[in-house]
Structures are given as C-alpha cells and as structure tokens.
C-alpha cells in the first residue's frame, strides 16, 4: 500500500523529468545534425585544399560561394603564397556536367601551377 502511494505522488514528477531529458536529447541531436555537415565541409580548407565545385551550368563555387573566372584567376595569381602553404586545387564536377566541359576546366586549371585533384561525384 505504501508503495502505491509513493508511485502516485512522484508519478507526474518522473513523467516531467523524463520528458525534459528526452527534449534535451532531441535538441542536442538537432544541433549536431546542423553543425556536423558544416564542419565536414570546412575541413578541406584546414587541410590546404581549395575545393572548386563545378555546377551543371558551368559556374564555379569556391567553398560554397559563387566565384567568377576573373576572381579565380586573381586568387591563383597569388600562387607563391598558395604554394608556400602547399595548397592543392580539388575540382568537384556535377554529375550532369558533360565530360568535355570538365576536361576544358581541368586544362585551364592545370596552368595555375598548383597540384590539381579531380574528385568524381
């Protein structure tokens, strides 16, 4: 009898505690789902890789920011500073992009003098 009264008295408190712990766990999971992909995307920059994404329409993105051909040339013109840090170019083409366009971009980027990697999708 005594056990039943204790269970009835603390039942709502334990339910509230369980819901609080579950909501905190869900908040931590959501925060991790947001921040982990961002950290993974930024990891290439910490390793000395200039990740150039080649879109299906031929545009370039550098670290998720659109970049014009002129800006890219200016960046690669500072080659001495980039080579001192041992930077590499990584070209990541879109799946829908024709292979001929990829080969043209590879040929133009090889002239920069930096090591070039091609990451296939």
Protein backbone atom coordinates (compact mmCIF):
# COMPACT_ATOMS: atom_id res chain seq x y z
CA UNK A 1 0.00 0.00 0.00
CA UNK A 2 2.77 2.36 0.87
CA UNK A 3 4.50 1.71 -2.49
CA UNK A 4 1.38 2.62 -4.44
CA UNK A 5 1.01 5.97 -2.70
CA UNK A 6 4.67 6.83 -3.37
CA UNK A 7 4.24 5.93 -7.04
CA UNK A 8 1.14 8.10 -7.32
CA UNK A 9 2.84 11.01 -5.57
CA UNK A 10 6.01 11.03 -7.75
CA UNK A 11 4.44 9.83 -10.99
CA UNK A 12 3.85 13.28 -12.58
CA UNK A 13 7.28 14.46 -11.43
CA UNK A 14 9.02 11.48 -13.04
CA UNK A 15 6.99 11.92 -16.23
CA UNK A 16 8.04 15.56 -16.41
CA UNK A 17 11.67 14.65 -15.78
CA UNK A 18 11.59 12.00 -18.49
CA UNK A 19 10.06 14.44 -20.99
CA UNK A 20 12.66 17.08 -20.10
CA UNK A 21 15.55 14.67 -20.62
CA UNK A 22 14.10 13.48 -23.91
CA UNK A 23 13.62 17.05 -25.20
CA UNK A 24 17.19 17.98 -24.22
CA UNK A 25 18.47 14.92 -26.05
CA UNK A 26 16.49 15.86 -29.16
CA UNK A 27 17.86 19.41 -29.02
CA UNK A 28 21.42 18.09 -28.86
CA UNK A 29 20.75 15.74 -31.78
CA UNK A 30 19.34 18.58 -33.90
CA UNK A 31 22.31 20.80 -33.10
CA UNK A 32 24.67 18.00 -34.14
CA UNK A 33 22.75 17.44 -37.38
CA UNK A 34 23.21 21.11 -38.23
CA UNK A 35 26.83 21.64 -37.22
CA UNK A 36 28.50 18.37 -38.24
CA UNK A 37 27.94 18.78 -42.02
CA UNK A 38 29.25 22.34 -41.82
CA UNK A 39 32.40 21.21 -40.03
CA UNK A 40 32.92 18.47 -42.60
CA UNK A 41 32.59 20.99 -45.44
CA UNK A 42 35.17 23.29 -43.84
CA UNK A 43 37.66 20.50 -43.16
CA UNK A 44 39.15 20.69 -46.68
CA UNK A 45 40.22 24.30 -46.09
CA UNK A 46 42.06 23.34 -42.94
CA UNK A 47 43.93 20.66 -44.89
CA UNK A 48 45.09 23.11 -47.58
CA UNK A 49 42.61 22.23 -50.31
CA UNK A 50 40.83 24.78 -52.50
CA UNK A 51 37.61 22.89 -53.29
CA UNK A 52 36.14 24.15 -56.57
CA UNK A 53 32.66 22.86 -57.31
CA UNK A 54 31.75 22.89 -61.00
CA UNK A 55 27.99 23.27 -61.39
CA UNK A 56 25.88 21.70 -64.14
CA UNK A 57 25.64 25.07 -65.93
CA UNK A 58 29.42 25.57 -65.87
CA UNK A 59 29.62 28.01 -62.95
CA UNK A 60 32.26 27.60 -60.25
CA UNK A 61 31.76 27.70 -56.48
CA UNK A 62 34.63 28.04 -54.05
CA UNK A 63 33.73 26.90 -50.50
CA UNK A 64 30.01 27.21 -51.27
CA UNK A 65 30.34 30.74 -52.68
CA UNK A 66 29.93 31.54 -56.39
CA UNK A 67 33.20 32.68 -57.90
CA UNK A 68 33.77 34.31 -61.28
CA UNK A 69 36.57 33.29 -63.61
CA UNK A 70 38.27 36.65 -63.03
CA UNK A 71 38.23 36.21 -59.23
CA UNK A 72 39.63 32.72 -59.58
CA UNK A 73 42.47 33.95 -61.76
CA UNK A 74 43.27 36.65 -59.19
CA UNK A 75 43.31 34.06 -56.43
CA UNK A 76 45.52 31.72 -58.39
CA UNK A 77 47.82 34.60 -59.36
CA UNK A 78 48.85 34.74 -55.71
CA UNK A 79 50.35 31.35 -56.40
CA UNK A 80 53.55 31.98 -54.45
CA UNK A 81 51.61 32.38 -51.22
CA UNK A 82 49.46 29.35 -52.01
CA UNK A 83 52.47 27.19 -52.86
CA UNK A 84 54.22 28.26 -49.66
CA UNK A 85 51.28 26.76 -47.76
CA UNK A 86 51.20 23.67 -50.02
CA UNK A 87 47.64 24.32 -51.23
CA UNK A 88 46.00 21.98 -53.74
CA UNK A 89 43.11 22.54 -56.11
CA UNK A 90 40.30 20.00 -56.00
CA UNK A 91 37.77 20.17 -58.83
CA UNK A 92 34.42 18.56 -57.99
CA UNK A 93 32.21 18.44 -61.11
CA UNK A 94 28.45 17.99 -61.07
CA UNK A 95 27.08 14.65 -62.26
CA UNK A 96 25.03 16.26 -65.03
CA UNK A 97 28.01 18.11 -66.50
CA UNK A 98 29.35 16.82 -69.84
CA UNK A 99 32.84 15.36 -69.61
CA UNK A 100 34.14 17.71 -72.31
CA UNK A 101 33.42 20.75 -70.13
CA UNK A 102 35.23 19.09 -67.22
CA UNK A 103 38.28 18.43 -69.41
CA UNK A 104 38.34 22.08 -70.53
CA UNK A 105 38.28 23.28 -66.92
CA UNK A 106 40.99 20.80 -65.93
CA UNK A 107 43.19 22.06 -68.77
CA UNK A 108 42.71 25.70 -67.70
CA UNK A 109 43.31 24.94 -64.02
CA UNK A 110 46.47 22.94 -64.68
CA UNK A 111 48.08 26.16 -65.89
CA UNK A 112 47.90 27.58 -62.36
CA UNK A 113 50.90 25.53 -61.28
CA UNK A 114 49.16 24.13 -58.20
CA UNK A 115 48.58 20.45 -57.71
CA UNK A 116 45.18 19.54 -59.18
CA UNK A 117 42.89 16.78 -57.98
CA UNK A 118 39.70 15.67 -59.69
CA UNK A 119 37.03 14.32 -57.35
CA UNK A 120 34.39 12.46 -59.27
CA UNK A 121 30.83 12.64 -57.96
